[in-house]
ModelCIF file with pLDDT and N, C-alpha, C, O atoms, coordinates in Angstrom:
data_MODEL
#
_entry.id   MODEL 
#
_entity.id                         1 
_entity.type                       polymer 
_entity.pdbx_number_of_molecules   1 
#
_entity_poly.entity_id                      1 
_entity_poly.type                           'polypeptide(L)' 
_entity_poly.nstd_linkage                   no 
_entity_poly.nstd_monomer                   no 
_entity_poly.pdbx_seq_one_letter_code       
;(UNK)(UNK)(UNK)(UNK)(UNK)(UNK)(UNK)(UNK)(UNK)(UNK)(UNK)(UNK)(UNK)(UNK)(UNK)(UNK)
(UNK)(UNK)(UNK)(UNK)(UNK)(UNK)(UNK)(UNK)(UNK)(UNK)(UNK)(UNK)(UNK)(UNK)(UNK)(UNK)
(UNK)(UNK)(UNK)(UNK)(UNK)(UNK)(UNK)(UNK)(UNK)(UNK)
;
_entity_poly.pdbx_seq_one_letter_code_can   XXXXXXXXXXXXXXXXXXXXXXXXXXXXXXXXXXXXXXXXXX 
_entity_poly.pdbx_strand_id                 A 
#
loop_
_entity_poly_seq.entity_id 
_entity_poly_seq.num 
_entity_poly_seq.mon_id 
_entity_poly_seq.hetero 
1 1  UNK n 
1 2  UNK n 
1 3  UNK n 
1 4  UNK n 
1 5  UNK n 
1 6  UNK n 
1 7  UNK n 
1 8  UNK n 
1 9  UNK n 
1 10 UNK n 
1 11 UNK n 
1 12 UNK n 
1 13 UNK n 
1 14 UNK n 
1 15 UNK n 
1 16 UNK n 
1 17 UNK n 
1 18 UNK n 
1 19 UNK n 
1 20 UNK n 
1 21 UNK n 
1 22 UNK n 
1 23 UNK n 
1 24 UNK n 
1 25 UNK n 
1 26 UNK n 
1 27 UNK n 
1 28 UNK n 
1 29 UNK n 
1 30 UNK n 
1 31 UNK n 
1 32 UNK n 
1 33 UNK n 
1 34 UNK n 
1 35 UNK n 
1 36 UNK n 
1 37 UNK n 
1 38 UNK n 
1 39 UNK n 
1 40 UNK n 
1 41 UNK n 
1 42 UNK n 
#
_struct_asym.id          A 
_struct_asym.entity_id   1 
#
loop_
_ma_qa_metric.id 
_ma_qa_metric.mode 
_ma_qa_metric.name 
_ma_qa_metric.software_group_id 
_ma_qa_metric.type 
1 global pLDDT . pLDDT 
2 local  pLDDT . pLDDT 
#
_ma_qa_metric_global.metric_id      1 
_ma_qa_metric_global.metric_value   94.60 
_ma_qa_metric_global.model_id       1 
_ma_qa_metric_global.ordinal_id     1 
#
loop_
_ma_qa_metric_local.label_asym_id 
_ma_qa_metric_local.label_comp_id 
_ma_qa_metric_local.label_seq_id 
_ma_qa_metric_local.metric_id 
_ma_qa_metric_local.metric_value 
_ma_qa_metric_local.model_id 
_ma_qa_metric_local.ordinal_id 
A UNK 1  2 98.00 1 1  
A UNK 2  2 98.00 1 2  
A UNK 3  2 98.00 1 3  
A UNK 4  2 98.00 1 4  
A UNK 5  2 98.00 1 5  
A UNK 6  2 98.00 1 6  
A UNK 7  2 98.00 1 7  
A UNK 8  2 98.00 1 8  
A UNK 9  2 98.00 1 9  
A UNK 10 2 98.00 1 10 
A UNK 11 2 98.00 1 11 
A UNK 12 2 98.00 1 12 
A UNK 13 2 97.00 1 13 
A UNK 14 2 96.00 1 14 
A UNK 15 2 94.00 1 15 
A UNK 16 2 92.00 1 16 
A UNK 17 2 87.00 1 17 
A UNK 18 2 81.00 1 18 
A UNK 19 2 80.00 1 19 
A UNK 20 2 82.00 1 20 
A UNK 21 2 84.00 1 21 
A UNK 22 2 85.00 1 22 
A UNK 23 2 91.00 1 23 
A UNK 24 2 94.00 1 24 
A UNK 25 2 95.00 1 25 
A UNK 26 2 97.00 1 26 
A UNK 27 2 98.00 1 27 
A UNK 28 2 98.00 1 28 
A UNK 29 2 98.00 1 29 
A UNK 30 2 98.00 1 30 
A UNK 31 2 96.00 1 31 
A UNK 32 2 91.00 1 32 
A UNK 33 2 92.00 1 33 
A UNK 34 2 95.00 1 34 
A UNK 35 2 96.00 1 35 
A UNK 36 2 96.00 1 36 
A UNK 37 2 97.00 1 37 
A UNK 38 2 97.00 1 38 
A UNK 39 2 98.00 1 39 
A UNK 40 2 98.00 1 40 
A UNK 41 2 97.00 1 41 
A UNK 42 2 97.00 1 42 
#
loop_
_atom_site.group_PDB 
_atom_site.id 
_atom_site.type_symbol 
_atom_site.label_atom_id 
_atom_site.label_alt_id 
_atom_site.label_comp_id 
_atom_site.label_asym_id 
_atom_site.label_entity_id 
_atom_site.label_seq_id 
_atom_site.pdbx_PDB_ins_code 
_atom_site.Cartn_x 
_atom_site.Cartn_y 
_atom_site.Cartn_z 
_atom_site.occupancy 
_atom_site.B_iso_or_equiv 
_atom_site.pdbx_formal_charge 
_atom_site.auth_seq_id 
_atom_site.auth_comp_id 
_atom_site.auth_asym_id 
_atom_site.auth_atom_id 
_atom_site.pdbx_PDB_model_num 
ATOM 1   N N  . UNK A 1 1  ? 0.809  -1.198  0.000   1.00 98.00 ? 1  UNK A N  1 
ATOM 2   C CA . UNK A 1 1  ? 0.000  0.000   0.000   1.00 98.00 ? 1  UNK A CA 1 
ATOM 3   C C  . UNK A 1 1  ? 0.843  1.249   0.000   1.00 98.00 ? 1  UNK A C  1 
ATOM 4   O O  . UNK A 1 1  ? 2.051  1.211   -0.236  1.00 98.00 ? 1  UNK A O  1 
ATOM 5   N N  . UNK A 1 2  ? 0.185  2.353   0.268   1.00 98.00 ? 2  UNK A N  1 
ATOM 6   C CA . UNK A 1 2  ? 0.821  3.666   0.314   1.00 98.00 ? 2  UNK A CA 1 
ATOM 7   C C  . UNK A 1 2  ? 1.004  4.086   1.762   1.00 98.00 ? 2  UNK A C  1 
ATOM 8   O O  . UNK A 1 2  ? 0.051  4.089   2.541   1.00 98.00 ? 2  UNK A O  1 
ATOM 9   N N  . UNK A 1 3  ? 2.227  4.440   2.117   1.00 98.00 ? 3  UNK A N  1 
ATOM 10  C CA . UNK A 1 3  ? 2.529  4.882   3.477   1.00 98.00 ? 3  UNK A CA 1 
ATOM 11  C C  . UNK A 1 3  ? 3.439  6.092   3.422   1.00 98.00 ? 3  UNK A C  1 
ATOM 12  O O  . UNK A 1 3  ? 4.117  6.333   2.424   1.00 98.00 ? 3  UNK A O  1 
ATOM 13  N N  . UNK A 1 4  ? 3.443  6.847   4.507   1.00 98.00 ? 4  UNK A N  1 
ATOM 14  C CA . UNK A 1 4  ? 4.338  7.984   4.631   1.00 98.00 ? 4  UNK A CA 1 
ATOM 15  C C  . UNK A 1 4  ? 5.713  7.530   5.094   1.00 98.00 ? 4  UNK A C  1 
ATOM 16  O O  . UNK A 1 4  ? 5.834  6.484   5.733   1.00 98.00 ? 4  UNK A O  1 
ATOM 17  N N  . UNK A 1 5  ? 6.747  8.294   4.785   1.00 98.00 ? 5  UNK A N  1 
ATOM 18  C CA . UNK A 1 5  ? 8.065  7.963   5.319   1.00 98.00 ? 5  UNK A CA 1 
ATOM 19  C C  . UNK A 1 5  ? 8.027  7.809   6.830   1.00 98.00 ? 5  UNK A C  1 
ATOM 20  O O  . UNK A 1 5  ? 7.400  8.601   7.532   1.00 98.00 ? 5  UNK A O  1 
ATOM 21  N N  . UNK A 1 6  ? 8.702  6.782   7.317   1.00 98.00 ? 6  UNK A N  1 
ATOM 22  C CA . UNK A 1 6  ? 8.683  6.467   8.731   1.00 98.00 ? 6  UNK A CA 1 
ATOM 23  C C  . UNK A 1 6  ? 7.589  5.518   9.143   1.00 98.00 ? 6  UNK A C  1 
ATOM 24  O O  . UNK A 1 6  ? 7.580  5.038   10.276  1.00 98.00 ? 6  UNK A O  1 
ATOM 25  N N  . UNK A 1 7  ? 6.675  5.242   8.256   1.00 98.00 ? 7  UNK A N  1 
ATOM 26  C CA . UNK A 1 7  ? 5.575  4.349   8.548   1.00 98.00 ? 7  UNK A CA 1 
ATOM 27  C C  . UNK A 1 7  ? 5.956  2.891   8.444   1.00 98.00 ? 7  UNK A C  1 
ATOM 28  O O  . UNK A 1 7  ? 7.110  2.549   8.187   1.00 98.00 ? 7  UNK A O  1 
ATOM 29  N N  . UNK A 1 8  ? 4.969  2.036   8.649   1.00 98.00 ? 8  UNK A N  1 
ATOM 30  C CA . UNK A 1 8  ? 5.182  0.596   8.662   1.00 98.00 ? 8  UNK A CA 1 
ATOM 31  C C  . UNK A 1 8  ? 4.156  -0.124  7.807   1.00 98.00 ? 8  UNK A C  1 
ATOM 32  O O  . UNK A 1 8  ? 3.026  0.335   7.643   1.00 98.00 ? 8  UNK A O  1 
ATOM 33  N N  . UNK A 1 9  ? 4.569  -1.251  7.269   1.00 98.00 ? 9  UNK A N  1 
ATOM 34  C CA . UNK A 1 9  ? 3.687  -2.167  6.569   1.00 98.00 ? 9  UNK A CA 1 
ATOM 35  C C  . UNK A 1 9  ? 4.104  -3.585  6.912   1.00 98.00 ? 9  UNK A C  1 
ATOM 36  O O  . UNK A 1 9  ? 5.270  -3.849  7.204   1.00 98.00 ? 9  UNK A O  1 
ATOM 37  N N  . UNK A 1 10 ? 3.149  -4.486  6.874   1.00 98.00 ? 10 UNK A N  1 
ATOM 38  C CA . UNK A 1 10 ? 3.422  -5.897  7.055   1.00 98.00 ? 10 UNK A CA 1 
ATOM 39  C C  . UNK A 1 10 ? 2.932  -6.653  5.829   1.00 98.00 ? 10 UNK A C  1 
ATOM 40  O O  . UNK A 1 10 ? 1.731  -6.716  5.566   1.00 98.00 ? 10 UNK A O  1 
ATOM 41  N N  . UNK A 1 11 ? 3.861  -7.222  5.086   1.00 98.00 ? 11 UNK A N  1 
ATOM 42  C CA . UNK A 1 11 ? 3.530  -8.009  3.919   1.00 98.00 ? 11 UNK A CA 1 
ATOM 43  C C  . UNK A 1 11 ? 3.365  -9.471  4.303   1.00 98.00 ? 11 UNK A C  1 
ATOM 44  O O  . UNK A 1 11 ? 4.066  -9.981  5.177   1.00 98.00 ? 11 UNK A O  1 
ATOM 45  N N  . UNK A 1 12 ? 2.435  -10.131 3.641   1.00 98.00 ? 12 UNK A N  1 
ATOM 46  C CA . UNK A 1 12 ? 2.210  -11.554 3.839   1.00 98.00 ? 12 UNK A CA 1 
ATOM 47  C C  . UNK A 1 12 ? 2.308  -12.272 2.507   1.00 98.00 ? 12 UNK A C  1 
ATOM 48  O O  . UNK A 1 12 ? 1.966  -11.717 1.462   1.00 98.00 ? 12 UNK A O  1 
ATOM 49  N N  . UNK A 1 13 ? 2.773  -13.495 2.551   1.00 97.00 ? 13 UNK A N  1 
ATOM 50  C CA . UNK A 1 13 ? 2.841  -14.352 1.369   1.00 97.00 ? 13 UNK A CA 1 
ATOM 51  C C  . UNK A 1 13 ? 2.296  -15.711 1.747   1.00 97.00 ? 13 UNK A C  1 
ATOM 52  O O  . UNK A 1 13 ? 2.896  -16.435 2.541   1.00 97.00 ? 13 UNK A O  1 
ATOM 53  N N  . UNK A 1 14 ? 1.171  -16.049 1.181   1.00 96.00 ? 14 UNK A N  1 
ATOM 54  C CA . UNK A 1 14 ? 0.540  -17.340 1.424   1.00 96.00 ? 14 UNK A CA 1 
ATOM 55  C C  . UNK A 1 14 ? 0.925  -18.304 0.313   1.00 96.00 ? 14 UNK A C  1 
ATOM 56  O O  . UNK A 1 14 ? 0.718  -18.018 -0.867  1.00 96.00 ? 14 UNK A O  1 
ATOM 57  N N  . UNK A 1 15 ? 1.483  -19.439 0.689   1.00 94.00 ? 15 UNK A N  1 
ATOM 58  C CA . UNK A 1 15 ? 1.968  -20.419 -0.269  1.00 94.00 ? 15 UNK A CA 1 
ATOM 59  C C  . UNK A 1 15 ? 1.062  -21.630 -0.311  1.00 94.00 ? 15 UNK A C  1 
ATOM 60  O O  . UNK A 1 15 ? 0.503  -22.040 0.706   1.00 94.00 ? 15 UNK A O  1 
ATOM 61  N N  . UNK A 1 16 ? 0.923  -22.196 -1.490  1.00 92.00 ? 16 UNK A N  1 
ATOM 62  C CA . UNK A 1 16 ? 0.192  -23.439 -1.662  1.00 92.00 ? 16 UNK A CA 1 
ATOM 63  C C  . UNK A 1 16 ? 0.854  -24.248 -2.774  1.00 92.00 ? 16 UNK A C  1 
ATOM 64  O O  . UNK A 1 16 ? 1.526  -23.694 -3.644  1.00 92.00 ? 16 UNK A O  1 
ATOM 65  N N  . UNK A 1 17 ? 0.657  -25.552 -2.734  1.00 87.00 ? 17 UNK A N  1 
ATOM 66  C CA . UNK A 1 17 ? 1.187  -26.419 -3.768  1.00 87.00 ? 17 UNK A CA 1 
ATOM 67  C C  . UNK A 1 17 ? 2.632  -26.839 -3.580  1.00 87.00 ? 17 UNK A C  1 
ATOM 68  O O  . UNK A 1 17 ? 3.203  -27.498 -4.449  1.00 87.00 ? 17 UNK A O  1 
ATOM 69  N N  . UNK A 1 18 ? 3.232  -26.468 -2.460  1.00 81.00 ? 18 UNK A N  1 
ATOM 70  C CA . UNK A 1 18 ? 4.598  -26.868 -2.152  1.00 81.00 ? 18 UNK A CA 1 
ATOM 71  C C  . UNK A 1 18 ? 4.675  -27.318 -0.699  1.00 81.00 ? 18 UNK A C  1 
ATOM 72  O O  . UNK A 1 18 ? 3.806  -27.004 0.115   1.00 81.00 ? 18 UNK A O  1 
ATOM 73  N N  . UNK A 1 19 ? 5.738  -28.062 -0.393  1.00 80.00 ? 19 UNK A N  1 
ATOM 74  C CA . UNK A 1 19 ? 6.007  -28.403 0.996   1.00 80.00 ? 19 UNK A CA 1 
ATOM 75  C C  . UNK A 1 19 ? 6.693  -27.211 1.632   1.00 80.00 ? 19 UNK A C  1 
ATOM 76  O O  . UNK A 1 19 ? 7.918  -27.157 1.741   1.00 80.00 ? 19 UNK A O  1 
ATOM 77  N N  . UNK A 1 20 ? 5.887  -26.272 2.044   1.00 82.00 ? 20 UNK A N  1 
ATOM 78  C CA . UNK A 1 20 ? 6.356  -24.966 2.457   1.00 82.00 ? 20 UNK A CA 1 
ATOM 79  C C  . UNK A 1 20 ? 7.425  -25.026 3.535   1.00 82.00 ? 20 UNK A C  1 
ATOM 80  O O  . UNK A 1 20 ? 8.409  -24.289 3.476   1.00 82.00 ? 20 UNK A O  1 
ATOM 81  N N  . UNK A 1 21 ? 7.242  -25.885 4.506   1.00 84.00 ? 21 UNK A N  1 
ATOM 82  C CA . UNK A 1 21 ? 8.069  -25.852 5.705   1.00 84.00 ? 21 UNK A CA 1 
ATOM 83  C C  . UNK A 1 21 ? 9.534  -26.184 5.459   1.00 84.00 ? 21 UNK A C  1 
ATOM 84  O O  . UNK A 1 21 ? 10.372 -25.862 6.301   1.00 84.00 ? 21 UNK A O  1 
ATOM 85  N N  . UNK A 1 22 ? 9.874  -26.809 4.348   1.00 85.00 ? 22 UNK A N  1 
ATOM 86  C CA . UNK A 1 22 ? 11.246 -27.268 4.135   1.00 85.00 ? 22 UNK A CA 1 
ATOM 87  C C  . UNK A 1 22 ? 12.071 -26.328 3.259   1.00 85.00 ? 22 UNK A C  1 
ATOM 88  O O  . UNK A 1 22 ? 13.268 -26.556 3.081   1.00 85.00 ? 22 UNK A O  1 
ATOM 89  N N  . UNK A 1 23 ? 11.474 -25.302 2.723   1.00 91.00 ? 23 UNK A N  1 
ATOM 90  C CA . UNK A 1 23 ? 12.167 -24.460 1.756   1.00 91.00 ? 23 UNK A CA 1 
ATOM 91  C C  . UNK A 1 23 ? 12.523 -23.096 2.314   1.00 91.00 ? 23 UNK A C  1 
ATOM 92  O O  . UNK A 1 23 ? 11.802 -22.514 3.124   1.00 91.00 ? 23 UNK A O  1 
ATOM 93  N N  . UNK A 1 24 ? 13.658 -22.612 1.851   1.00 94.00 ? 24 UNK A N  1 
ATOM 94  C CA . UNK A 1 24 ? 13.997 -21.225 2.104   1.00 94.00 ? 24 UNK A CA 1 
ATOM 95  C C  . UNK A 1 24 ? 13.018 -20.317 1.369   1.00 94.00 ? 24 UNK A C  1 
ATOM 96  O O  . UNK A 1 24 ? 12.713 -20.529 0.195   1.00 94.00 ? 24 UNK A O  1 
ATOM 97  N N  . UNK A 1 25 ? 12.539 -19.320 2.070   1.00 95.00 ? 25 UNK A N  1 
ATOM 98  C CA . UNK A 1 25 ? 11.639 -18.339 1.493   1.00 95.00 ? 25 UNK A CA 1 
ATOM 99  C C  . UNK A 1 25 ? 12.316 -16.981 1.496   1.00 95.00 ? 25 UNK A C  1 
ATOM 100 O O  . UNK A 1 25 ? 13.206 -16.714 2.303   1.00 95.00 ? 25 UNK A O  1 
ATOM 101 N N  . UNK A 1 26 ? 11.883 -16.138 0.592   1.00 97.00 ? 26 UNK A N  1 
ATOM 102 C CA . UNK A 1 26 ? 12.498 -14.829 0.514   1.00 97.00 ? 26 UNK A CA 1 
ATOM 103 C C  . UNK A 1 26 ? 11.553 -13.760 0.023   1.00 97.00 ? 26 UNK A C  1 
ATOM 104 O O  . UNK A 1 26 ? 10.495 -14.031 -0.545  1.00 97.00 ? 26 UNK A O  1 
ATOM 105 N N  . UNK A 1 27 ? 11.974 -12.538 0.265   1.00 98.00 ? 27 UNK A N  1 
ATOM 106 C CA . UNK A 1 27 ? 11.320 -11.375 -0.299  1.00 98.00 ? 27 UNK A CA 1 
ATOM 107 C C  . UNK A 1 27 ? 12.317 -10.633 -1.175  1.00 98.00 ? 27 UNK A C  1 
ATOM 108 O O  . UNK A 1 27 ? 13.457 -10.395 -0.777  1.00 98.00 ? 27 UNK A O  1 
ATOM 109 N N  . UNK A 1 28 ? 11.878 -10.276 -2.354  1.00 98.00 ? 28 UNK A N  1 
ATOM 110 C CA . UNK A 1 28 ? 12.643 -9.467  -3.286  1.00 98.00 ? 28 UNK A CA 1 
ATOM 111 C C  . UNK A 1 28 ? 11.814 -8.250  -3.653  1.00 98.00 ? 28 UNK A C  1 
ATOM 112 O O  . UNK A 1 28 ? 10.604 -8.216  -3.427  1.00 98.00 ? 28 UNK A O  1 
ATOM 113 N N  . UNK A 1 29 ? 12.466 -7.269  -4.210  1.00 98.00 ? 29 UNK A N  1 
ATOM 114 C CA . UNK A 1 29 ? 11.730 -6.096  -4.652  1.00 98.00 ? 29 UNK A CA 1 
ATOM 115 C C  . UNK A 1 29 ? 12.313 -5.572  -5.953  1.00 98.00 ? 29 UNK A C  1 
ATOM 116 O O  . UNK A 1 29 ? 13.483 -5.791  -6.267  1.00 98.00 ? 29 UNK A O  1 
ATOM 117 N N  . UNK A 1 30 ? 11.481 -4.885  -6.690  1.00 98.00 ? 30 UNK A N  1 
ATOM 118 C CA . UNK A 1 30 ? 11.889 -4.320  -7.961  1.00 98.00 ? 30 UNK A CA 1 
ATOM 119 C C  . UNK A 1 30 ? 11.250 -2.949  -8.127  1.00 98.00 ? 30 UNK A C  1 
ATOM 120 O O  . UNK A 1 30 ? 10.028 -2.816  -8.185  1.00 98.00 ? 30 UNK A O  1 
ATOM 121 N N  . UNK A 1 31 ? 12.090 -1.954  -8.200  1.00 96.00 ? 31 UNK A N  1 
ATOM 122 C CA . UNK A 1 31 ? 11.642 -0.598  -8.458  1.00 96.00 ? 31 UNK A CA 1 
ATOM 123 C C  . UNK A 1 31 ? 11.550 -0.379  -9.962  1.00 96.00 ? 31 UNK A C  1 
ATOM 124 O O  . UNK A 1 31 ? 12.175 -1.109  -10.731 1.00 96.00 ? 31 UNK A O  1 
ATOM 125 N N  . UNK A 1 32 ? 10.777 0.620   -10.394 1.00 91.00 ? 32 UNK A N  1 
ATOM 126 C CA . UNK A 1 32 ? 10.657 0.883   -11.828 1.00 91.00 ? 32 UNK A CA 1 
ATOM 127 C C  . UNK A 1 32 ? 12.016 1.088   -12.482 1.00 91.00 ? 32 UNK A C  1 
ATOM 128 O O  . UNK A 1 32 ? 12.858 1.827   -11.971 1.00 91.00 ? 32 UNK A O  1 
ATOM 129 N N  . UNK A 1 33 ? 12.217 0.443   -13.591 1.00 92.00 ? 33 UNK A N  1 
ATOM 130 C CA . UNK A 1 33 ? 13.438 0.551   -14.387 1.00 92.00 ? 33 UNK A CA 1 
ATOM 131 C C  . UNK A 1 33 ? 14.667 0.000   -13.675 1.00 92.00 ? 33 UNK A C  1 
ATOM 132 O O  . UNK A 1 33 ? 15.794 0.247   -14.106 1.00 92.00 ? 33 UNK A O  1 
ATOM 133 N N  . UNK A 1 34 ? 14.462 -0.738  -12.598 1.00 95.00 ? 34 UNK A N  1 
ATOM 134 C CA . UNK A 1 34 ? 15.566 -1.324  -11.861 1.00 95.00 ? 34 UNK A CA 1 
ATOM 135 C C  . UNK A 1 34 ? 15.463 -2.845  -11.867 1.00 95.00 ? 34 UNK A C  1 
ATOM 136 O O  . UNK A 1 34 ? 14.398 -3.411  -12.115 1.00 95.00 ? 34 UNK A O  1 
ATOM 137 N N  . UNK A 1 35 ? 16.588 -3.493  -11.589 1.00 96.00 ? 35 UNK A N  1 
ATOM 138 C CA . UNK A 1 35 ? 16.603 -4.938  -11.486 1.00 96.00 ? 35 UNK A CA 1 
ATOM 139 C C  . UNK A 1 35 ? 16.022 -5.388  -10.149 1.00 96.00 ? 35 UNK A C  1 
ATOM 140 O O  . UNK A 1 35 ? 16.056 -4.656  -9.160  1.00 96.00 ? 35 UNK A O  1 
ATOM 141 N N  . UNK A 1 36 ? 15.497 -6.592  -10.144 1.00 96.00 ? 36 UNK A N  1 
ATOM 142 C CA . UNK A 1 36 ? 14.995 -7.165  -8.912  1.00 96.00 ? 36 UNK A CA 1 
ATOM 143 C C  . UNK A 1 36 ? 16.151 -7.413  -7.949  1.00 96.00 ? 36 UNK A C  1 
ATOM 144 O O  . UNK A 1 36 ? 17.210 -7.894  -8.353  1.00 96.00 ? 36 UNK A O  1 
ATOM 145 N N  . UNK A 1 37 ? 15.948 -7.086  -6.688  1.00 97.00 ? 37 UNK A N  1 
ATOM 146 C CA . UNK A 1 37 ? 16.995 -7.240  -5.699  1.00 97.00 ? 37 UNK A CA 1 
ATOM 147 C C  . UNK A 1 37 ? 16.483 -7.982  -4.476  1.00 97.00 ? 37 UNK A C  1 
ATOM 148 O O  . UNK A 1 37 ? 15.299 -7.933  -4.143  1.00 97.00 ? 37 UNK A O  1 
ATOM 149 N N  . UNK A 1 38 ? 17.399 -8.665  -3.822  1.00 97.00 ? 38 UNK A N  1 
ATOM 150 C CA . UNK A 1 38 ? 17.085 -9.386  -2.606  1.00 97.00 ? 38 UNK A CA 1 
ATOM 151 C C  . UNK A 1 38 ? 16.794 -8.420  -1.468  1.00 97.00 ? 38 UNK A C  1 
ATOM 152 O O  . UNK A 1 38 ? 17.507 -7.435  -1.275  1.00 97.00 ? 38 UNK A O  1 
ATOM 153 N N  . UNK A 1 39 ? 15.747 -8.710  -0.726  1.00 98.00 ? 39 UNK A N  1 
ATOM 154 C CA . UNK A 1 39 ? 15.432 -7.966  0.486   1.00 98.00 ? 39 UNK A CA 1 
ATOM 155 C C  . UNK A 1 39 ? 15.788 -8.787  1.718   1.00 98.00 ? 39 UNK A C  1 
ATOM 156 O O  . UNK A 1 39 ? 16.524 -8.322  2.588   1.00 98.00 ? 39 UNK A O  1 
ATOM 157 N N  . UNK A 1 40 ? 15.266 -10.004 1.790   1.00 98.00 ? 40 UNK A N  1 
ATOM 158 C CA . UNK A 1 40 ? 15.495 -10.850 2.952   1.00 98.00 ? 40 UNK A CA 1 
ATOM 159 C C  . UNK A 1 40 ? 15.186 -12.289 2.607   1.00 98.00 ? 40 UNK A C  1 
ATOM 160 O O  . UNK A 1 40 ? 14.369 -12.561 1.728   1.00 98.00 ? 40 UNK A O  1 
ATOM 161 N N  . UNK A 1 41 ? 15.839 -13.215 3.301   1.00 97.00 ? 41 UNK A N  1 
ATOM 162 C CA . UNK A 1 41 ? 15.544 -14.633 3.166   1.00 97.00 ? 41 UNK A CA 1 
ATOM 163 C C  . UNK A 1 41 ? 15.427 -15.254 4.548   1.00 97.00 ? 41 UNK A C  1 
ATOM 164 O O  . UNK A 1 41 ? 15.961 -14.739 5.531   1.00 97.00 ? 41 UNK A O  1 
ATOM 165 N N  . UNK A 1 42 ? 14.717 -16.372 4.598   1.00 97.00 ? 42 UNK A N  1 
ATOM 166 C CA . UNK A 1 42 ? 14.583 -17.113 5.836   1.00 97.00 ? 42 UNK A CA 1 
ATOM 167 C C  . UNK A 1 42 ? 14.583 -18.597 5.507   1.00 97.00 ? 42 UNK A C  1 
ATOM 168 O O  . UNK A 1 42 ? 14.480 -19.430 6.408   1.00 97.00 ? 42 UNK A O  1 
#
């Protein structure tokens, strides 16, 4: 969503069709005209 600087958001990712518990999961992001970059993995 849209937030002001200094604000907070909580993103969720619901997975299906995989054995979720055994895999590394991650968040990536891509800004306009930029390459996708790693944010975090778990």
